Amino acid sequence: MKERTPRNRTLVVYEDETDVLMRQTISLGAPSAPNEIEDRLIHQDLFSCIDFLPNIFIDLAIIDPPYNLNKKFGNNKFSKRLSKNPFLLSFRRISCW
């Protein structure tokens, strides 16, 4: 395994853990009540499930952030300003921060 710097907080799933972990995950296809998804792992593209998550529900989300903050990806444009970014506004709706 690649040696990481002491401050690196990368999460690693080893090959022998993948099947066990994936069996514990869910995907959302409709709006969900908090008791249906509480303490569950959702393995899904955030754009395809964000509308199905309850308001002020998420304590921790592990997502691949938009690194190119001034670049357009399909119909989505990421920017550094929360007030102008629909993706970040949607994420704020579901998060507890």
PDB file of N, CA and C in Angstrom:
ATOM      1  N   MET A   1       0.840  -1.182   0.000  1.00  0.00           N
ATOM      2  CA  MET A   1       0.000   0.000   0.000  1.00  0.00           C
ATOM      3  C   MET A   1       0.882   1.241   0.000  1.00  0.00           C
ATOM      4  N   LYS A   2       0.422   2.247  -0.674  1.00  0.00           N
ATOM      5  CA  LYS A   2       1.119   3.524  -0.766  1.00  0.00           C
ATOM      6  C   LYS A   2       1.229   4.175   0.623  1.00  0.00           C
ATOM      7  N   GLU A   3       2.406   4.679   0.938  1.00  0.00           N
ATOM      8  CA  GLU A   3       2.589   5.368   2.214  1.00  0.00           C
ATOM      9  C   GLU A   3       1.955   6.752   2.134  1.00  0.00           C
ATOM     10  N   ARG A   4       1.175   7.097   3.134  1.00  0.00           N
ATOM     11  CA  ARG A   4       0.464   8.372   3.160  1.00  0.00           C
ATOM     12  C   ARG A   4       1.094   9.303   4.179  1.00  0.00           C
ATOM     13  N   THR A   5       0.890  10.574   3.946  1.00  0.00           N
ATOM     14  CA  THR A   5       1.408  11.559   4.886  1.00  0.00           C
ATOM     15  C   THR A   5       0.653  11.438   6.208  1.00  0.00           C
ATOM     16  N   PRO A   6       1.253  11.836   7.324  1.00  0.00           N
ATOM     17  CA  PRO A   6       0.616  11.682   8.633  1.00  0.00           C
ATOM     18  C   PRO A   6      -0.740  12.386   8.749  1.00  0.00           C
ATOM     19  N   ARG A   7      -0.936  13.491   8.026  1.00  0.00           N
ATOM     20  CA  ARG A   7      -2.188  14.231   8.145  1.00  0.00           C
ATOM     21  C   ARG A   7      -3.260  13.749   7.166  1.00  0.00           C
ATOM     22  N   ASN A   8      -2.944  12.820   6.291  1.00  0.00           N
ATOM     23  CA  ASN A   8      -3.901  12.315   5.314  1.00  0.00           C
ATOM     24  C   ASN A   8      -4.991  11.517   6.031  1.00  0.00           C
ATOM     25  N   ARG A   9      -6.236  11.812   5.737  1.00  0.00           N
ATOM     26  CA  ARG A   9      -7.373  11.137   6.360  1.00  0.00           C
ATOM     27  C   ARG A   9      -8.176  10.338   5.333  1.00  0.00           C
ATOM     28  N   THR A  10      -7.501   9.810   4.341  1.00  0.00           N
ATOM     29  CA  THR A  10      -8.151   9.036   3.291  1.00  0.00           C
ATOM     30  C   THR A  10      -8.769   7.771   3.876  1.00  0.00           C
ATOM     31  N   LEU A  11     -10.004   7.498   3.489  1.00  0.00           N
ATOM     32  CA  LEU A  11     -10.651   6.250   3.879  1.00  0.00           C
ATOM     33  C   LEU A  11     -10.276   5.193   2.854  1.00  0.00           C
ATOM     34  N   VAL A  12      -9.928   4.025   3.317  1.00  0.00           N
ATOM     35  CA  VAL A  12      -9.518   2.952   2.427  1.00  0.00           C
ATOM     36  C   VAL A  12     -10.408   1.744   2.662  1.00  0.00           C
ATOM     37  N   VAL A  13     -10.946   1.183   1.581  1.00  0.00           N
ATOM     38  CA  VAL A  13     -11.681  -0.071   1.637  1.00  0.00           C
ATOM     39  C   VAL A  13     -10.843  -1.080   0.877  1.00  0.00           C
ATOM     40  N   TYR A  14     -10.415  -2.108   1.574  1.00  0.00           N
ATOM     41  CA  TYR A  14      -9.580  -3.127   0.962  1.00  0.00           C
ATOM     42  C   TYR A  14     -10.441  -4.087   0.147  1.00  0.00           C
ATOM     43  N   GLU A  15      -9.832  -4.732  -0.821  1.00  0.00           N
ATOM     44  CA  GLU A  15     -10.548  -5.598  -1.751  1.00  0.00           C
ATOM     45  C   GLU A  15     -11.380  -6.656  -1.026  1.00  0.00           C
ATOM     46  N   ASP A  16     -10.837  -7.250   0.023  1.00  0.00           N
ATOM     47  CA  ASP A  16     -11.574  -8.297   0.742  1.00  0.00           C
ATOM     48  C   ASP A  16     -12.729  -7.739   1.582  1.00  0.00           C
ATOM     49  N   GLU A  17     -12.825  -6.423   1.739  1.00  0.00           N
ATOM     50  CA  GLU A  17     -13.919  -5.797   2.491  1.00  0.00           C
ATOM     51  C   GLU A  17     -15.051  -5.310   1.588  1.00  0.00           C
ATOM     52  N   THR A  18     -14.804  -5.221   0.300  1.00  0.00           N
ATOM     53  CA  THR A  18     -15.745  -4.603  -0.629  1.00  0.00           C
ATOM     54  C   THR A  18     -17.110  -5.289  -0.633  1.00  0.00           C
ATOM     55  N   ASP A  19     -17.161  -6.612  -0.791  1.00  0.00           N
ATOM     56  CA  ASP A  19     -18.443  -7.322  -0.866  1.00  0.00           C
ATOM     57  C   ASP A  19     -19.254  -7.157   0.416  1.00  0.00           C
ATOM     58  N   VAL A  20     -18.598  -7.288   1.548  1.00  0.00           N
ATOM     59  CA  VAL A  20     -19.291  -7.139   2.832  1.00  0.00           C
ATOM     60  C   VAL A  20     -19.861  -5.728   2.966  1.00  0.00           C
ATOM     61  N   LEU A  21     -19.076  -4.737   2.622  1.00  0.00           N
ATOM     62  CA  LEU A  21     -19.531  -3.354   2.722  1.00  0.00           C
ATOM     63  C   LEU A  21     -20.674  -3.070   1.754  1.00  0.00           C
ATOM     64  N   MET A  22     -20.567  -3.520   0.515  1.00  0.00           N
ATOM     65  CA  MET A  22     -21.601  -3.242  -0.477  1.00  0.00           C
ATOM     66  C   MET A  22     -22.944  -3.888  -0.111  1.00  0.00           C
ATOM     67  N   ARG A  23     -22.922  -5.044   0.567  1.00  0.00           N
ATOM     68  CA  ARG A  23     -24.170  -5.680   1.000  1.00  0.00           C
ATOM     69  C   ARG A  23     -24.878  -4.860   2.075  1.00  0.00           C
ATOM     70  N   GLN A  24     -24.160  -3.963   2.724  1.00  0.00           N
ATOM     71  CA  GLN A  24     -24.734  -3.134   3.781  1.00  0.00           C
ATOM     72  C   GLN A  24     -25.260  -1.799   3.260  1.00  0.00           C
ATOM     73  N   THR A  25     -25.074  -1.513   1.982  1.00  0.00           N
ATOM     74  CA  THR A  25     -25.481  -0.218   1.433  1.00  0.00           C
ATOM     75  C   THR A  25     -26.878  -0.274   0.831  1.00  0.00           C
ATOM     76  N   ILE A  26     -27.469   0.915   0.689  1.00  0.00           N
ATOM     77  CA  ILE A  26     -28.766   1.043   0.036  1.00  0.00           C
ATOM     78  C   ILE A  26     -28.670   2.119  -1.031  1.00  0.00           C
ATOM     79  N   SER A  27     -29.651   2.146  -1.932  1.00  0.00           N
ATOM     80  CA  SER A  27     -29.817   3.206  -2.927  1.00  0.00           C
ATOM     81  C   SER A  27     -31.240   3.716  -2.804  1.00  0.00           C
ATOM     82  N   LEU A  28     -31.437   4.994  -3.038  1.00  0.00           N
ATOM     83  CA  LEU A  28     -32.752   5.603  -2.909  1.00  0.00           C
ATOM     84  C   LEU A  28     -33.380   5.818  -4.281  1.00  0.00           C
ATOM     85  N   GLY A  29     -34.678   5.492  -4.390  1.00  0.00           N
ATOM     86  CA  GLY A  29     -35.405   5.713  -5.623  1.00  0.00           C
ATOM     87  C   GLY A  29     -36.666   6.519  -5.415  1.00  0.00           C
ATOM     88  N   ALA A  30     -36.917   6.901  -4.148  1.00  0.00           N
ATOM     89  CA  ALA A  30     -38.106   7.673  -3.796  1.00  0.00           C
ATOM     90  C   ALA A  30     -37.810   8.411  -2.490  1.00  0.00           C
ATOM     91  N   PRO A  31     -38.599   9.436  -2.178  1.00  0.00           N
ATOM     92  CA  PRO A  31     -38.395  10.143  -0.909  1.00  0.00           C
ATOM     93  C   PRO A  31     -38.420   9.166   0.268  1.00  0.00           C
ATOM     94  N   SER A  32     -37.521   9.376   1.210  1.00  0.00           N
ATOM     95  CA  SER A  32     -37.372   8.469   2.340  1.00  0.00           C
ATOM     96  C   SER A  32     -37.593   9.199   3.657  1.00  0.00           C
ATOM     97  N   ALA A  33     -38.234   8.512   4.568  1.00  0.00           N
ATOM     98  CA  ALA A  33     -38.410   9.038   5.917  1.00  0.00           C
ATOM     99  C   ALA A  33     -37.133   8.778   6.715  1.00  0.00           C
ATOM    100  N   PRO A  34     -36.845   9.617   7.698  1.00  0.00           N
ATOM    101  CA  PRO A  34     -35.628   9.425   8.491  1.00  0.00           C
ATOM    102  C   PRO A  34     -35.479   8.017   9.063  1.00  0.00           C
ATOM    103  N   ASN A  35     -36.555   7.424   9.568  1.00  0.00           N
ATOM    104  CA  ASN A  35     -36.434   6.095  10.175  1.00  0.00           C
ATOM    105  C   ASN A  35     -36.113   4.999   9.154  1.00  0.00           C
ATOM    106  N   GLU A  36     -36.349   5.247   7.864  1.00  0.00           N
ATOM    107  CA  GLU A  36     -36.039   4.266   6.829  1.00  0.00           C
ATOM    108  C   GLU A  36     -34.557   4.231   6.463  1.00  0.00           C
ATOM    109  N   ILE A  37     -33.869   5.345   6.677  1.00  0.00           N
ATOM    110  CA  ILE A  37     -32.467   5.414   6.240  1.00  0.00           C
ATOM    111  C   ILE A  37     -31.491   5.767   7.366  1.00  0.00           C
ATOM    112  N   GLU A  38     -32.000   5.962   8.559  1.00  0.00           N
ATOM    113  CA  GLU A  38     -31.123   6.302   9.684  1.00  0.00           C
ATOM    114  C   GLU A  38     -30.109   5.185   9.925  1.00  0.00           C
ATOM    115  N   ASP A  39     -28.856   5.568  10.132  1.00  0.00           N
ATOM    116  CA  ASP A  39     -27.748   4.635  10.382  1.00  0.00           C
ATOM    117  C   ASP A  39     -27.493   3.682   9.214  1.00  0.00           C
ATOM    118  N   ARG A  40     -27.830   4.096   7.993  1.00  0.00           N
ATOM    119  CA  ARG A  40     -27.594   3.292   6.808  1.00  0.00           C
ATOM    120  C   ARG A  40     -26.535   3.951   5.935  1.00  0.00           C
ATOM    121  N   LEU A  41     -25.878   3.167   5.114  1.00  0.00           N
ATOM    122  CA  LEU A  41     -24.915   3.664   4.140  1.00  0.00           C
ATOM    123  C   LEU A  41     -25.605   3.762   2.790  1.00  0.00           C
ATOM    124  N   ILE A  42     -25.612   4.953   2.222  1.00  0.00           N
ATOM    125  CA  ILE A  42     -26.215   5.144   0.910  1.00  0.00           C
ATOM    126  C   ILE A  42     -25.082   5.198  -0.109  1.00  0.00           C
ATOM    127  N   HIS A  43     -25.084   4.260  -1.029  1.00  0.00           N
ATOM    128  CA  HIS A  43     -24.058   4.192  -2.072  1.00  0.00           C
ATOM    129  C   HIS A  43     -24.723   4.577  -3.374  1.00  0.00           C
ATOM    130  N   GLN A  44     -24.589   5.869  -3.729  1.00  0.00           N
ATOM    131  CA  GLN A  44     -25.316   6.371  -4.888  1.00  0.00           C
ATOM    132  C   GLN A  44     -24.746   7.731  -5.263  1.00  0.00           C
ATOM    133  N   ASP A  45     -24.885   8.085  -6.515  1.00  0.00           N
ATOM    134  CA  ASP A  45     -24.504   9.420  -6.954  1.00  0.00           C
ATOM    135  C   ASP A  45     -25.371  10.436  -6.200  1.00  0.00           C
ATOM    136  N   LEU A  46     -24.738  11.409  -5.594  1.00  0.00           N
ATOM    137  CA  LEU A  46     -25.468  12.387  -4.790  1.00  0.00           C
ATOM    138  C   LEU A  46     -26.537  13.109  -5.597  1.00  0.00           C
ATOM    139  N   PHE A  47     -26.236  13.416  -6.865  1.00  0.00           N
ATOM    140  CA  PHE A  47     -27.218  14.117  -7.701  1.00  0.00           C
ATOM    141  C   PHE A  47     -28.477  13.281  -7.921  1.00  0.00           C
ATOM    142  N   SER A  48     -28.373  11.959  -7.876  1.00  0.00           N
ATOM    143  CA  SER A  48     -29.543  11.109  -8.119  1.00  0.00           C
ATOM    144  C   SER A  48     -30.345  10.817  -6.850  1.00  0.00           C
ATOM    145  N   CYS A  49     -29.813  11.151  -5.678  1.00  0.00           N
ATOM    146  CA  CYS A  49     -30.560  10.842  -4.453  1.00  0.00           C
ATOM    147  C   CYS A  49     -30.826  12.049  -3.556  1.00  0.00           C
ATOM    148  N   ILE A  50     -30.228  13.193  -3.834  1.00  0.00           N
ATOM    149  CA  ILE A  50     -30.337  14.328  -2.914  1.00  0.00           C
ATOM    150  C   ILE A  50     -31.789  14.769  -2.704  1.00  0.00           C
ATOM    151  N   ASP A  51     -32.622  14.675  -3.735  1.00  0.00           N
ATOM    152  CA  ASP A  51     -34.021  15.073  -3.596  1.00  0.00           C
ATOM    153  C   ASP A  51     -34.841  14.083  -2.765  1.00  0.00           C
ATOM    154  N   PHE A  52     -34.312  12.889  -2.528  1.00  0.00           N
ATOM    155  CA  PHE A  52     -35.021  11.871  -1.763  1.00  0.00           C
ATOM    156  C   PHE A  52     -34.667  11.892  -0.280  1.00  0.00           C
ATOM    157  N   LEU A  53     -33.701  12.710   0.111  1.00  0.00           N
ATOM    158  CA  LEU A  53     -33.261  12.764   1.503  1.00  0.00           C
ATOM    159  C   LEU A  53     -34.085  13.772   2.300  1.00  0.00           C
ATOM    160  N   PRO A  54     -34.401  13.451   3.552  1.00  0.00           N
ATOM    161  CA  PRO A  54     -35.163  14.378   4.389  1.00  0.00           C
ATOM    162  C   PRO A  54     -34.364  15.648   4.694  1.00  0.00           C
ATOM    163  N   ASN A  55     -35.066  16.723   4.978  1.00  0.00           N
ATOM    164  CA  ASN A  55     -34.426  17.980   5.386  1.00  0.00           C
ATOM    165  C   ASN A  55     -33.665  17.792   6.689  1.00  0.00           C
ATOM    166  N   ILE A  56     -32.540  18.494   6.803  1.00  0.00           N
ATOM    167  CA  ILE A  56     -31.715  18.524   8.019  1.00  0.00           C
ATOM    168  C   ILE A  56     -31.530  17.119   8.593  1.00  0.00           C
ATOM    169  N   PHE A  57     -30.967  16.253   7.792  1.00  0.00           N
ATOM    170  CA  PHE A  57     -30.846  14.845   8.170  1.00  0.00           C
ATOM    171  C   PHE A  57     -29.409  14.344   8.229  1.00  0.00           C
ATOM    172  N   ILE A  58     -28.548  14.827   7.356  1.00  0.00           N
ATOM    173  CA  ILE A  58     -27.204  14.283   7.201  1.00  0.00           C
ATOM    174  C   ILE A  58     -26.236  14.881   8.215  1.00  0.00           C
ATOM    175  N   ASP A  59     -25.554  14.021   8.981  1.00  0.00           N
ATOM    176  CA  ASP A  59     -24.486  14.453   9.874  1.00  0.00           C
ATOM    177  C   ASP A  59     -23.125  14.336   9.199  1.00  0.00           C
ATOM    178  N   LEU A  60     -22.969  13.324   8.366  1.00  0.00           N
ATOM    179  CA  LEU A  60     -21.696  13.078   7.694  1.00  0.00           C
ATOM    180  C   LEU A  60     -21.971  12.573   6.287  1.00  0.00           C
ATOM    181  N   ALA A  61     -21.344  13.198   5.318  1.00  0.00           N
ATOM    182  CA  ALA A  61     -21.440  12.746   3.930  1.00  0.00           C
ATOM    183  C   ALA A  61     -20.026  12.625   3.385  1.00  0.00           C
ATOM    184  N   ILE A  62     -19.731  11.487   2.812  1.00  0.00           N
ATOM    185  CA  ILE A  62     -18.438  11.281   2.173  1.00  0.00           C
ATOM    186  C   ILE A  62     -18.710  11.321   0.679  1.00  0.00           C
ATOM    187  N   ILE A  63     -18.321  12.425   0.066  1.00  0.00           N
ATOM    188  CA  ILE A  63     -18.595  12.626  -1.351  1.00  0.00           C
ATOM    189  C   ILE A  63     -17.310  13.030  -2.057  1.00  0.00           C
ATOM    190  N   ASP A  64     -17.310  12.865  -3.341  1.00  0.00           N
ATOM    191  CA  ASP A  64     -16.208  13.324  -4.166  1.00  0.00           C
ATOM    192  C   ASP A  64     -16.512  14.778  -4.513  1.00  0.00           C
ATOM    193  N   PRO A  65     -15.824  15.723  -3.909  1.00  0.00           N
ATOM    194  CA  PRO A  65     -16.165  17.131  -4.135  1.00  0.00           C
ATOM    195  C   PRO A  65     -15.802  17.610  -5.537  1.00  0.00           C
ATOM    196  N   PRO A  66     -16.441  18.679  -5.954  1.00  0.00           N
ATOM    197  CA  PRO A  66     -16.098  19.267  -7.256  1.00  0.00           C
ATOM    198  C   PRO A  66     -14.769  20.016  -7.163  1.00  0.00           C
ATOM    199  N   TYR A  67     -13.726  19.427  -7.695  1.00  0.00           N
ATOM    200  CA  TYR A  67     -12.397  20.021  -7.584  1.00  0.00           C
ATOM    201  C   TYR A  67     -12.210  21.233  -8.489  1.00  0.00           C
ATOM    202  N   ASN A  68     -12.807  21.206  -9.658  1.00  0.00           N
ATOM    203  CA  ASN A  68     -12.667  22.320 -10.596  1.00  0.00           C
ATOM    204  C   ASN A  68     -13.816  23.296 -10.346  1.00  0.00           C
ATOM    205  N   LEU A  69     -13.633  24.190  -9.400  1.00  0.00           N
ATOM    206  CA  LEU A  69     -14.734  25.007  -8.904  1.00  0.00           C
ATOM    207  C   LEU A  69     -15.281  26.016  -9.902  1.00  0.00           C
ATOM    208  N   ASN A  70     -14.613  26.265 -10.969  1.00  0.00           N
ATOM    209  CA  ASN A  70     -15.126  27.194 -11.962  1.00  0.00           C
ATOM    210  C   ASN A  70     -15.367  26.502 -13.298  1.00  0.00           C
ATOM    211  N   LYS A  71     -15.632  25.214 -13.262  1.00  0.00           N
ATOM    212  CA  LYS A  71     -15.792  24.437 -14.482  1.00  0.00           C
ATOM    213  C   LYS A  71     -17.224  23.937 -14.593  1.00  0.00           C
ATOM    214  N   LYS A  72     -17.702  23.779 -15.793  1.00  0.00           N
ATOM    215  CA  LYS A  72     -19.043  23.281 -16.022  1.00  0.00           C
ATOM    216  C   LYS A  72     -18.974  21.788 -16.332  1.00  0.00           C
ATOM    217  N   PHE A  73     -19.810  20.988 -15.648  1.00  0.00           N
ATOM    218  CA  PHE A  73     -19.906  19.556 -15.863  1.00  0.00           C
ATOM    219  C   PHE A  73     -21.318  19.264 -16.339  1.00  0.00           C
ATOM    220  N   GLY A  74     -21.521  19.069 -17.618  1.00  0.00           N
ATOM    221  CA  GLY A  74     -22.863  18.868 -18.148  1.00  0.00           C
ATOM    222  C   GLY A  74     -23.703  20.102 -17.895  1.00  0.00           C
ATOM    223  N   ASN A  75     -24.803  19.947 -17.197  1.00  0.00           N
ATOM    224  CA  ASN A  75     -25.667  21.074 -16.862  1.00  0.00           C
ATOM    225  C   ASN A  75     -25.340  21.676 -15.501  1.00  0.00           C
ATOM    226  N   ASN A  76     -24.337  21.150 -14.816  1.00  0.00           N
ATOM    227  CA  ASN A  76     -23.982  21.633 -13.481  1.00  0.00           C
ATOM    228  C   ASN A  76     -22.738  22.496 -13.539  1.00  0.00           C
ATOM    229  N   LYS A  77     -22.805  23.651 -12.918  1.00  0.00           N
ATOM    230  CA  LYS A  77     -21.638  24.508 -12.826  1.00  0.00           C
ATOM    231  C   LYS A  77     -21.329  24.712 -11.351  1.00  0.00           C
ATOM    232  N   PHE A  78     -20.102  24.425 -10.986  1.00  0.00           N
ATOM    233  CA  PHE A  78     -19.677  24.586  -9.604  1.00  0.00           C
ATOM    234  C   PHE A  78     -18.960  25.914  -9.458  1.00  0.00           C
ATOM    235  N   SER A  79     -19.214  26.572  -8.362  1.00  0.00           N
ATOM    236  CA  SER A  79     -18.525  27.823  -8.099  1.00  0.00           C
ATOM    237  C   SER A  79     -18.210  27.898  -6.614  1.00  0.00           C
ATOM    238  N   LYS A  80     -17.376  28.830  -6.246  1.00  0.00           N
ATOM    239  CA  LYS A  80     -16.969  28.965  -4.855  1.00  0.00           C
ATOM    240  C   LYS A  80     -18.032  29.638  -4.002  1.00  0.00           C
ATOM    241  N   ARG A  81     -19.036  30.225  -4.611  1.00  0.00           N
ATOM    242  CA  ARG A  81     -20.033  30.981  -3.861  1.00  0.00           C
ATOM    243  C   ARG A  81     -21.269  30.127  -3.584  1.00  0.00           C
ATOM    244  N   LEU A  82     -21.525  29.850  -2.305  1.00  0.00           N
ATOM    245  CA  LEU A  82     -22.673  29.056  -1.908  1.00  0.00           C
ATOM    246  C   LEU A  82     -23.976  29.676  -2.386  1.00  0.00           C
ATOM    247  N   SER A  83     -24.080  30.987  -2.320  1.00  0.00           N
ATOM    248  CA  SER A  83     -25.338  31.645  -2.654  1.00  0.00           C
ATOM    249  C   SER A  83     -25.723  31.476  -4.123  1.00  0.00           C
ATOM    250  N   LYS A  84     -24.780  31.141  -4.981  1.00  0.00           N
ATOM    251  CA  LYS A  84     -25.060  30.995  -6.407  1.00  0.00           C
ATOM    252  C   LYS A  84     -25.002  29.547  -6.881  1.00  0.00           C
ATOM    253  N   ASN A  85     -24.720  28.613  -6.015  1.00  0.00           N
ATOM    254  CA  ASN A  85     -24.494  27.248  -6.423  1.00  0.00           C
ATOM    255  C   ASN A  85     -25.671  26.349  -6.030  1.00  0.00           C
ATOM    256  N   PRO A  86     -26.508  25.919  -6.999  1.00  0.00           N
ATOM    257  CA  PRO A  86     -27.670  25.107  -6.659  1.00  0.00           C
ATOM    258  C   PRO A  86     -27.312  23.785  -5.988  1.00  0.00           C
ATOM    259  N   PHE A  87     -26.195  23.167  -6.380  1.00  0.00           N
ATOM    260  CA  PHE A  87     -25.770  21.919  -5.749  1.00  0.00           C
ATOM    261  C   PHE A  87     -25.504  22.134  -4.272  1.00  0.00           C
ATOM    262  N   LEU A  88     -24.736  23.151  -3.931  1.00  0.00           N
ATOM    263  CA  LEU A  88     -24.418  23.402  -2.529  1.00  0.00           C
ATOM    264  C   LEU A  88     -25.649  23.825  -1.741  1.00  0.00           C
ATOM    265  N   LEU A  89     -26.551  24.547  -2.359  1.00  0.00           N
ATOM    266  CA  LEU A  89     -27.786  24.919  -1.674  1.00  0.00           C
ATOM    267  C   LEU A  89     -28.618  23.676  -1.364  1.00  0.00           C
ATOM    268  N   SER A  90     -28.693  22.727  -2.288  1.00  0.00           N
ATOM    269  CA  SER A  90     -29.416  21.476  -2.042  1.00  0.00           C
ATOM    270  C   SER A  90     -28.752  20.692  -0.928  1.00  0.00           C
ATOM    271  N   PHE A  91     -27.437  20.656  -0.934  1.00  0.00           N
ATOM    272  CA  PHE A  91     -26.715  19.929   0.108  1.00  0.00           C
ATOM    273  C   PHE A  91     -26.945  20.570   1.472  1.00  0.00           C
ATOM    274  N   ARG A  92     -26.993  21.883   1.503  1.00  0.00           N
ATOM    275  CA  ARG A  92     -27.236  22.566   2.778  1.00  0.00           C
ATOM    276  C   ARG A  92     -28.623  22.220   3.334  1.00  0.00           C
ATOM    277  N   ARG A  93     -29.614  22.006   2.460  1.00  0.00           N
ATOM    278  CA  ARG A  93     -30.961  21.643   2.892  1.00  0.00           C
ATOM    279  C   ARG A  93     -30.974  20.348   3.688  1.00  0.00           C
ATOM    280  N   ILE A  94     -30.156  19.383   3.295  1.00  0.00           N
ATOM    281  CA  ILE A  94     -30.185  18.069   3.954  1.00  0.00           C
ATOM    282  C   ILE A  94     -29.184  17.948   5.089  1.00  0.00           C
ATOM    283  N   SER A  95     -28.228  18.873   5.183  1.00  0.00           N
ATOM    284  CA  SER A  95     -27.178  18.740   6.187  1.00  0.00           C
ATOM    285  C   SER A  95     -27.560  19.411   7.501  1.00  0.00           C
ATOM    286  N   CYS A  96     -26.902  19.009   8.539  1.00  0.00           N
ATOM    287  CA  CYS A  96     -27.165  19.554   9.866  1.00  0.00           C
ATOM    288  C   CYS A  96     -26.236  20.707  10.220  1.00  0.00           C
ATOM    289  N   TRP A  97     -25.578  21.340   9.251  1.00  0.00           N
ATOM    290  CA  TRP A  97     -24.667  22.456   9.548  1.00  0.00           C
ATOM    291  C   TRP A  97     -25.264  23.762   9.227  1.00  0.00           C
TER     292      TRP A  97
END
